[in-house]
Amino acid sequence: MAISINFAAINVNSLNRGASVSIGENNQPGWTAHGKNNLGNGNFFGIIFSANQINIILDNDVIDMPINDQDGVPGVQNQSV
């Protein structure tokens, strides 16, 4: 038995790495997310007052994140009416 769900609109403000907005019949196998962040002053949450800050990031490596990602994951999607 098919279930019908109707949305008037889907509003997306921002997407981060490894995020998706998928509508309809979807097949999304083998998700991997690779990334590097340099936070000179950390993460801020809530109400923060920070004045007269000097942040220095020394990132002297030549290759930040070598990736050899060979995990080809096959996916199967069946369609129905």
N, C-alpha and C. Protein backbone atom coordinates (compact mmCIF):
# COMPACT_ATOMS: atom_id res chain seq x y z
N MET A 1 0.85 -1.17 0.00
CA MET A 1 0.00 0.00 0.00
C MET A 1 0.89 1.23 0.00
N ALA A 2 0.70 2.08 -0.98
CA ALA A 2 1.48 3.31 -1.09
C ALA A 2 0.92 4.38 -0.17
N ILE A 3 1.83 5.11 0.44
CA ILE A 3 1.44 6.23 1.31
C ILE A 3 1.82 7.52 0.62
N SER A 4 0.89 8.42 0.52
CA SER A 4 1.14 9.70 -0.13
C SER A 4 1.35 10.79 0.91
N ILE A 5 2.49 11.48 0.83
CA ILE A 5 2.80 12.61 1.70
C ILE A 5 3.05 13.82 0.81
N ASN A 6 2.32 14.88 1.04
CA ASN A 6 2.44 16.08 0.22
C ASN A 6 2.97 17.24 1.05
N PHE A 7 3.99 17.92 0.54
CA PHE A 7 4.53 19.12 1.16
C PHE A 7 4.21 20.30 0.26
N ALA A 8 3.85 21.42 0.86
CA ALA A 8 3.64 22.63 0.07
C ALA A 8 4.98 23.20 -0.38
N ALA A 9 5.98 23.15 0.48
CA ALA A 9 7.31 23.65 0.14
C ALA A 9 8.33 23.06 1.10
N ILE A 10 9.55 22.95 0.63
CA ILE A 10 10.69 22.56 1.45
C ILE A 10 11.70 23.68 1.35
N ASN A 11 11.96 24.35 2.47
CA ASN A 11 12.92 25.45 2.50
C ASN A 11 14.20 24.98 3.17
N VAL A 12 15.33 25.20 2.51
CA VAL A 12 16.63 24.80 3.03
C VAL A 12 17.48 26.06 3.14
N ASN A 13 17.95 26.35 4.35
CA ASN A 13 18.80 27.52 4.54
C ASN A 13 20.24 27.23 4.15
N SER A 14 20.77 26.11 4.57
CA SER A 14 22.14 25.76 4.21
C SER A 14 22.33 24.25 4.34
N LEU A 15 23.28 23.73 3.58
CA LEU A 15 23.65 22.33 3.65
C LEU A 15 25.11 22.23 4.02
N ASN A 16 25.44 21.31 4.89
CA ASN A 16 26.83 21.06 5.24
C ASN A 16 27.35 19.87 4.47
N ARG A 17 28.62 19.58 4.69
CA ARG A 17 29.25 18.44 4.03
C ARG A 17 28.52 17.17 4.41
N GLY A 18 28.22 16.32 3.45
CA GLY A 18 27.55 15.06 3.72
C GLY A 18 26.07 15.21 3.98
N ALA A 19 25.44 16.26 3.48
CA ALA A 19 24.01 16.48 3.70
C ALA A 19 23.27 16.39 2.37
N SER A 20 22.00 16.10 2.45
CA SER A 20 21.20 15.96 1.24
C SER A 20 19.75 16.32 1.52
N VAL A 21 19.10 16.87 0.52
CA VAL A 21 17.65 17.03 0.52
C VAL A 21 17.17 16.20 -0.66
N SER A 22 16.51 15.10 -0.36
CA SER A 22 16.13 14.15 -1.41
C SER A 22 14.62 14.03 -1.44
N ILE A 23 14.07 14.13 -2.63
CA ILE A 23 12.63 14.08 -2.82
C ILE A 23 12.32 12.98 -3.84
N GLY A 24 11.36 12.15 -3.53
CA GLY A 24 10.99 11.09 -4.44
C GLY A 24 11.68 9.79 -4.09
N GLU A 25 11.77 8.89 -5.06
CA GLU A 25 12.43 7.61 -4.85
C GLU A 25 13.93 7.83 -5.01
N ASN A 26 14.68 7.53 -3.97
CA ASN A 26 16.10 7.82 -3.96
C ASN A 26 16.91 6.57 -3.66
N ASN A 27 18.09 6.55 -4.22
CA ASN A 27 19.07 5.51 -3.93
C ASN A 27 20.40 6.22 -3.71
N GLN A 28 20.89 6.18 -2.49
CA GLN A 28 22.12 6.92 -2.16
C GLN A 28 23.08 6.02 -1.39
N PRO A 29 23.68 5.04 -2.06
CA PRO A 29 24.59 4.14 -1.35
C PRO A 29 25.99 4.73 -1.22
N GLY A 30 26.73 4.23 -0.25
CA GLY A 30 28.16 4.51 -0.16
C GLY A 30 28.53 5.94 0.15
N TRP A 31 27.83 6.60 1.02
CA TRP A 31 28.17 7.98 1.36
C TRP A 31 29.47 8.02 2.13
N THR A 32 30.37 8.88 1.74
CA THR A 32 31.56 9.19 2.51
C THR A 32 31.77 10.69 2.45
N ALA A 33 32.27 11.24 3.52
CA ALA A 33 32.55 12.68 3.57
C ALA A 33 33.95 12.89 4.11
N HIS A 34 34.74 13.64 3.38
CA HIS A 34 36.10 13.92 3.78
C HIS A 34 36.29 15.43 3.83
N GLY A 35 36.97 15.89 4.83
CA GLY A 35 37.20 17.32 4.92
C GLY A 35 38.14 17.66 6.05
N LYS A 36 38.60 18.89 6.04
CA LYS A 36 39.51 19.37 7.08
C LYS A 36 39.10 20.78 7.46
N ASN A 37 39.09 21.05 8.75
CA ASN A 37 38.78 22.39 9.24
C ASN A 37 39.90 22.86 10.14
N ASN A 38 40.26 24.11 10.01
CA ASN A 38 41.19 24.74 10.93
C ASN A 38 40.42 25.82 11.68
N LEU A 39 40.22 25.61 12.96
CA LEU A 39 39.51 26.57 13.78
C LEU A 39 40.52 27.25 14.70
N GLY A 40 40.83 28.50 14.41
CA GLY A 40 41.83 29.22 15.18
C GLY A 40 41.37 29.58 16.57
N ASN A 41 40.09 29.72 16.76
CA ASN A 41 39.58 30.12 18.08
C ASN A 41 38.50 29.16 18.57
N GLY A 42 38.42 27.98 18.00
CA GLY A 42 37.43 26.99 18.45
C GLY A 42 36.05 27.26 17.89
N ASN A 43 35.07 26.60 18.47
CA ASN A 43 33.68 26.78 18.07
C ASN A 43 32.97 27.67 19.09
N PHE A 44 32.08 28.51 18.60
CA PHE A 44 31.30 29.37 19.48
C PHE A 44 29.85 28.91 19.47
N PHE A 45 29.25 28.77 20.64
CA PHE A 45 27.86 28.41 20.77
C PHE A 45 27.21 29.36 21.76
N GLY A 46 26.03 29.84 21.43
CA GLY A 46 25.31 30.73 22.34
C GLY A 46 25.71 32.18 22.15
N ILE A 47 25.54 32.99 23.18
CA ILE A 47 25.86 34.41 23.12
C ILE A 47 27.32 34.57 23.55
N ILE A 48 28.15 35.05 22.64
CA ILE A 48 29.59 35.13 22.87
C ILE A 48 30.05 36.56 22.60
N PHE A 49 30.86 37.08 23.50
CA PHE A 49 31.54 38.35 23.26
C PHE A 49 33.03 38.08 23.27
N SER A 50 33.68 38.36 22.16
CA SER A 50 35.10 38.11 22.04
C SER A 50 35.72 39.33 21.36
N ALA A 51 36.57 40.04 22.08
CA ALA A 51 37.18 41.26 21.53
C ALA A 51 38.70 41.14 21.54
N ASN A 52 39.32 41.84 20.62
CA ASN A 52 40.78 41.95 20.53
C ASN A 52 41.45 40.58 20.43
N GLN A 53 40.97 39.75 19.54
CA GLN A 53 41.51 38.42 19.35
C GLN A 53 42.51 38.40 18.21
N ILE A 54 43.57 37.65 18.38
CA ILE A 54 44.52 37.38 17.31
C ILE A 54 44.66 35.87 17.24
N ASN A 55 44.33 35.31 16.09
CA ASN A 55 44.40 33.86 15.90
C ASN A 55 45.39 33.56 14.79
N ILE A 56 46.33 32.69 15.07
CA ILE A 56 47.33 32.29 14.09
C ILE A 56 47.27 30.78 13.95
N ILE A 57 47.11 30.31 12.72
CA ILE A 57 47.10 28.88 12.44
C ILE A 57 48.34 28.56 11.61
N LEU A 58 49.20 27.74 12.16
CA LEU A 58 50.38 27.28 11.43
C LEU A 58 50.06 25.90 10.86
N ASP A 59 49.87 25.84 9.57
CA ASP A 59 49.51 24.60 8.89
C ASP A 59 50.55 24.36 7.80
N ASN A 60 51.68 23.81 8.19
CA ASN A 60 52.83 23.74 7.30
C ASN A 60 52.89 22.49 6.45
N ASP A 61 51.93 21.58 6.57
CA ASP A 61 52.01 20.37 5.76
C ASP A 61 51.65 20.69 4.31
N VAL A 62 52.19 19.90 3.40
CA VAL A 62 51.97 20.14 1.98
C VAL A 62 50.63 19.58 1.54
N ILE A 63 50.31 18.38 1.98
CA ILE A 63 49.04 17.74 1.63
C ILE A 63 48.23 17.63 2.91
N ASP A 64 47.09 18.28 2.94
CA ASP A 64 46.29 18.31 4.16
C ASP A 64 45.68 16.96 4.49
N MET A 65 45.05 16.32 3.51
CA MET A 65 44.37 15.07 3.80
C MET A 65 44.41 14.18 2.56
N PRO A 66 45.44 13.34 2.43
CA PRO A 66 45.45 12.44 1.27
C PRO A 66 44.35 11.38 1.40
N ILE A 67 43.60 11.21 0.34
CA ILE A 67 42.46 10.29 0.38
C ILE A 67 42.60 9.29 -0.77
N ASN A 68 42.51 8.02 -0.44
CA ASN A 68 42.45 6.96 -1.44
C ASN A 68 41.16 6.20 -1.17
N ASP A 69 40.07 6.70 -1.72
CA ASP A 69 38.73 6.19 -1.41
C ASP A 69 38.24 5.33 -2.57
N GLN A 70 38.45 4.04 -2.46
CA GLN A 70 38.06 3.12 -3.54
C GLN A 70 36.96 2.18 -3.11
N ASP A 71 36.04 2.68 -2.31
CA ASP A 71 34.95 1.82 -1.84
C ASP A 71 33.72 1.99 -2.72
N GLY A 72 33.83 1.59 -3.97
CA GLY A 72 32.71 1.69 -4.88
C GLY A 72 31.56 0.80 -4.42
N VAL A 73 30.57 1.38 -3.79
CA VAL A 73 29.46 0.62 -3.24
C VAL A 73 28.32 0.63 -4.26
N PRO A 74 27.97 -0.52 -4.82
CA PRO A 74 26.85 -0.53 -5.76
C PRO A 74 25.52 -0.34 -5.06
N GLY A 75 24.58 0.23 -5.77
CA GLY A 75 23.25 0.43 -5.20
C GLY A 75 22.18 -0.11 -6.12
N VAL A 76 21.10 -0.53 -5.54
CA VAL A 76 19.98 -1.07 -6.30
C VAL A 76 18.76 -0.24 -5.99
N GLN A 77 18.08 0.20 -7.02
CA GLN A 77 16.85 0.97 -6.81
C GLN A 77 15.75 0.32 -7.63
N ASN A 78 14.72 -0.10 -6.95
CA ASN A 78 13.55 -0.66 -7.61
C ASN A 78 12.48 0.40 -7.71
N GLN A 79 11.83 0.46 -8.85
CA GLN A 79 10.77 1.44 -9.02
C GLN A 79 9.42 0.74 -8.98
N SER A 80 8.47 1.40 -8.36
CA SER A 80 7.13 0.85 -8.29
C SER A 80 6.13 1.92 -8.69
N VAL A 81 4.97 1.48 -9.07
CA VAL A 81 3.93 2.41 -9.49
C VAL A 81 2.91 2.55 -8.39
